[in-house]
């Protein structure tokens, strides 16, 4: 607490890399690196943890492991859904068959594969997907901007008119008067 200068340990005895705050500010999700999946390879394994931001002071550590042994390169490829109960993540790396997954905060160890394709490698090591209000997912892969649509269960390329590779992006609402409140995505090429 920056006002009282008191601190609270949310989780201990981990090797955290990525961290994400739920949009309601009540929970954090973080990845804890477990190490290499096998010798002589660079595929890292991570456990995905959740901890309350305002833990019950009567209990010891309240963090819990939501999913074990996720194949990621840097442990950064995850984000909260807008409902504050779903986490979306991307698996990738030298041994992983890349895919987009979801898991509910109350369903320990029950990740669901949303999308996987031999033709599209979801290979953005250091950039998390972004959940939209309807829980569609935006992400970059193979130098393009993609949207996973929950309703159709399809991955749709959004950057078909661009002649350059998409480096990164962020969704925003620009000039809501002229755009009638519609969302836009700014991309860096």
Protein backbone atom coordinates (compact mmCIF):
# COMPACT_ATOMS: atom_id res chain seq x y z
CA UNK A 1 0.00 0.00 0.00
CA UNK A 2 1.78 3.15 -1.16
CA UNK A 3 -0.13 5.31 1.31
CA UNK A 4 0.51 3.27 4.46
CA UNK A 5 3.86 1.93 3.18
CA UNK A 6 2.81 -1.59 4.21
CA UNK A 7 3.47 -4.52 1.94
CA UNK A 8 1.75 -7.87 1.62
CA UNK A 9 3.32 -11.01 0.17
CA UNK A 10 0.95 -12.36 -2.48
CA UNK A 11 3.03 -15.40 -3.41
CA UNK A 12 6.44 -16.77 -2.49
CA UNK A 13 8.88 -19.50 -3.52
CA UNK A 14 8.28 -18.98 -7.24
CA UNK A 15 10.31 -17.85 -10.24
CA UNK A 16 7.78 -15.41 -11.69
CA UNK A 17 8.23 -13.92 -15.14
CA UNK A 18 4.93 -12.73 -16.57
CA UNK A 19 2.31 -11.04 -14.42
CA UNK A 20 -1.16 -9.75 -15.29
CA UNK A 21 -3.72 -7.90 -13.16
CA UNK A 22 -7.40 -8.74 -13.67
CA UNK A 23 -9.42 -5.78 -14.95
CA UNK A 24 -11.30 -5.53 -11.64
CA UNK A 25 -7.97 -5.27 -9.81
CA UNK A 26 -8.79 -8.16 -7.44
CA UNK A 27 -6.46 -10.92 -8.73
CA UNK A 28 -3.10 -11.36 -10.36
CA UNK A 29 -2.07 -14.17 -12.63
CA UNK A 30 1.60 -15.00 -13.01
CA UNK A 31 3.80 -17.61 -14.59
CA UNK A 32 6.44 -19.41 -12.55
CA UNK A 33 9.30 -20.93 -14.53
CA UNK A 34 9.93 -24.61 -13.84
CA UNK A 35 12.93 -24.96 -16.15
CA UNK A 36 13.70 -26.84 -19.33
CA UNK A 37 11.32 -29.54 -20.52
CA UNK A 38 14.21 -31.75 -21.55
CA UNK A 39 17.99 -31.51 -21.65
CA UNK A 40 19.62 -30.09 -24.78
CA UNK A 41 16.55 -28.09 -25.73
CA UNK A 42 15.40 -24.54 -25.07
CA UNK A 43 11.72 -25.31 -24.41
CA UNK A 44 10.77 -23.86 -21.03
CA UNK A 45 7.86 -24.99 -18.89
CA UNK A 46 5.76 -22.68 -16.75
CA UNK A 47 3.04 -23.09 -14.17
CA UNK A 48 0.22 -20.52 -14.27
CA UNK A 49 -0.72 -19.19 -10.82
CA UNK A 50 -3.45 -16.92 -9.44
CA UNK A 51 -3.29 -14.90 -6.24
CA UNK A 52 -5.72 -12.43 -4.66
CA UNK A 53 -4.43 -8.85 -4.57
CA UNK A 54 -6.13 -8.33 -1.20
CA UNK A 55 -5.62 -11.65 0.58
CA UNK A 56 -7.39 -12.68 3.76
CA UNK A 57 -4.91 -11.78 6.49
CA UNK A 58 -5.95 -14.78 8.59
CA UNK A 59 -4.64 -17.31 6.06
CA UNK A 60 -1.14 -18.03 4.88
CA UNK A 61 -0.37 -17.73 1.18
CA UNK A 62 -3.54 -17.92 -0.93
CA UNK A 63 -1.95 -18.27 -4.35
CA UNK A 64 -2.82 -21.45 -6.22
CA UNK A 65 -1.55 -23.16 -9.35
CA UNK A 66 -4.20 -23.01 -12.06
CA UNK A 67 -2.37 -24.97 -14.78
CA UNK A 68 0.92 -26.88 -14.71
CA UNK A 69 3.56 -27.44 -17.38
CA UNK A 70 2.60 -24.87 -20.01
CA UNK A 71 5.06 -24.69 -22.90
CA UNK A 72 6.06 -21.04 -23.41
CA UNK A 73 9.32 -19.41 -24.38
CA UNK A 74 9.29 -16.46 -21.99
CA UNK A 75 6.18 -16.90 -19.85
CA UNK A 76 4.53 -13.69 -21.06
CA UNK A 77 1.84 -14.97 -23.44
CA UNK A 78 -1.29 -14.77 -21.27
CA UNK A 79 -4.04 -12.30 -20.38
CA UNK A 80 -7.25 -12.06 -18.36
CA UNK A 81 -10.62 -12.13 -20.10
CA UNK A 82 -12.99 -9.24 -19.44
CA UNK A 83 -15.06 -11.39 -17.04
CA UNK A 84 -12.09 -11.53 -14.60
CA UNK A 85 -12.45 -15.33 -14.38
CA UNK A 86 -10.97 -16.53 -17.68
CA UNK A 87 -7.32 -16.51 -18.65
CA UNK A 88 -6.23 -16.87 -22.27
CA UNK A 89 -2.74 -18.04 -23.13
CA UNK A 90 -0.63 -19.09 -26.09
CA UNK A 91 1.66 -22.11 -26.09
CA UNK A 92 4.76 -21.92 -28.24
CA UNK A 93 8.39 -22.92 -28.36
CA UNK A 94 10.71 -25.48 -29.92
CA UNK A 95 8.76 -28.52 -28.63
CA UNK A 96 5.29 -26.97 -28.48
CA UNK A 97 2.61 -27.16 -31.09
CA UNK A 98 1.46 -23.57 -30.77
CA UNK A 99 -2.13 -22.99 -29.75
CA UNK A 100 -4.56 -20.56 -28.14
CA UNK A 101 -6.00 -21.85 -24.85
CA UNK A 102 -8.43 -20.69 -22.17
CA UNK A 103 -8.89 -21.70 -18.56
CA UNK A 104 -11.42 -20.64 -15.95
CA UNK A 105 -10.06 -19.52 -12.58
CA UNK A 106 -12.19 -22.09 -10.76
CA UNK A 107 -11.32 -25.05 -13.03
CA UNK A 108 -7.82 -26.05 -11.93
CA UNK A 109 -5.96 -28.03 -14.57
CA UNK A 110 -8.79 -27.89 -17.12
CA UNK A 111 -7.43 -25.74 -19.95
CA UNK A 112 -9.40 -25.79 -23.19
CA UNK A 113 -7.75 -25.62 -26.60
CA UNK A 114 -9.48 -22.88 -28.61
CA UNK A 115 -7.35 -22.83 -31.76
CA UNK A 116 -4.46 -24.74 -33.26
CA UNK A 117 -3.31 -24.99 -36.86
CA UNK A 118 -0.32 -26.44 -38.66
CA UNK A 119 -0.59 -23.51 -41.09
CA UNK A 120 -0.46 -20.71 -38.49
CA UNK A 121 2.20 -20.70 -35.81
CA UNK A 122 1.26 -18.44 -32.87
CA UNK A 123 4.84 -17.40 -32.32
CA UNK A 124 4.93 -14.06 -30.49
CA UNK A 125 7.24 -14.90 -27.59
CA UNK A 126 7.01 -11.65 -25.66
CA UNK A 127 3.54 -10.32 -26.39
CA UNK A 128 0.32 -11.43 -24.74
CA UNK A 129 -2.95 -11.83 -26.59
CA UNK A 130 -5.60 -9.18 -25.90
CA UNK A 131 -9.16 -10.06 -24.87
CA UNK A 132 -11.90 -7.84 -26.28
CA UNK A 133 -15.21 -7.01 -24.58
CA UNK A 134 -16.95 -9.98 -26.23
CA UNK A 135 -13.96 -12.21 -25.33
CA UNK A 136 -12.76 -12.46 -28.90
CA UNK A 137 -8.97 -12.48 -28.85
CA UNK A 138 -6.53 -10.29 -30.79
CA UNK A 139 -2.97 -11.46 -31.37
CA UNK A 140 -0.10 -11.20 -33.80
CA UNK A 141 1.42 -14.20 -35.53
CA UNK A 142 3.52 -14.65 -38.66
CA UNK A 143 3.73 -10.89 -39.10
CA UNK A 144 -0.04 -10.42 -39.26
CA UNK A 145 -2.85 -9.30 -36.97
CA UNK A 146 -5.42 -11.98 -36.13
CA UNK A 147 -8.74 -12.15 -34.32
CA UNK A 148 -10.03 -15.35 -32.78
CA UNK A 149 -13.83 -15.22 -32.92
CA UNK A 150 -15.48 -17.23 -30.16
CA UNK A 151 -18.81 -17.45 -31.99
CA UNK A 152 -17.38 -19.06 -35.13
CA UNK A 153 -14.30 -20.63 -33.46
CA UNK A 154 -12.23 -19.25 -36.34
CA UNK A 155 -9.00 -17.29 -36.56
CA UNK A 156 -9.50 -14.38 -38.97
CA UNK A 157 -6.71 -12.26 -40.41
CA UNK A 158 -7.38 -8.54 -39.90
CA UNK A 159 -4.31 -7.15 -41.64
CA UNK A 160 -5.05 -8.30 -45.21
CA UNK A 161 -4.66 -4.78 -46.66
CA UNK A 162 -1.27 -4.12 -45.10
CA UNK A 163 1.79 -4.66 -47.28
CA UNK A 164 4.18 -4.82 -44.29
CA UNK A 165 4.64 -7.18 -41.36
CA UNK A 166 2.73 -6.30 -38.19
CA UNK A 167 5.24 -5.86 -35.36
CA UNK A 168 2.85 -5.05 -32.51
CA UNK A 169 -0.61 -3.61 -31.86
CA UNK A 170 -2.95 -2.22 -29.26
CA UNK A 171 -6.73 -1.87 -29.38
CA UNK A 172 -8.20 1.54 -28.66
CA UNK A 173 -11.21 3.75 -29.29
CA UNK A 174 -10.21 6.75 -31.35
CA UNK A 175 -12.37 9.84 -31.75
CA UNK A 176 -15.59 8.23 -30.61
CA UNK A 177 -17.73 10.96 -32.21
CA UNK A 178 -16.52 10.20 -35.74
CA UNK A 179 -16.25 6.44 -35.29
CA UNK A 180 -19.65 6.04 -33.56
CA UNK A 181 -17.85 4.43 -30.61
CA UNK A 182 -16.39 1.63 -32.70
CA UNK A 183 -13.09 0.13 -31.66
CA UNK A 184 -9.94 0.42 -33.70
CA UNK A 185 -6.62 -1.33 -33.55
CA UNK A 186 -3.42 0.62 -33.97
CA UNK A 187 -0.63 -1.44 -35.50
CA UNK A 188 3.09 -0.90 -35.81
CA UNK A 189 4.57 -2.24 -39.05
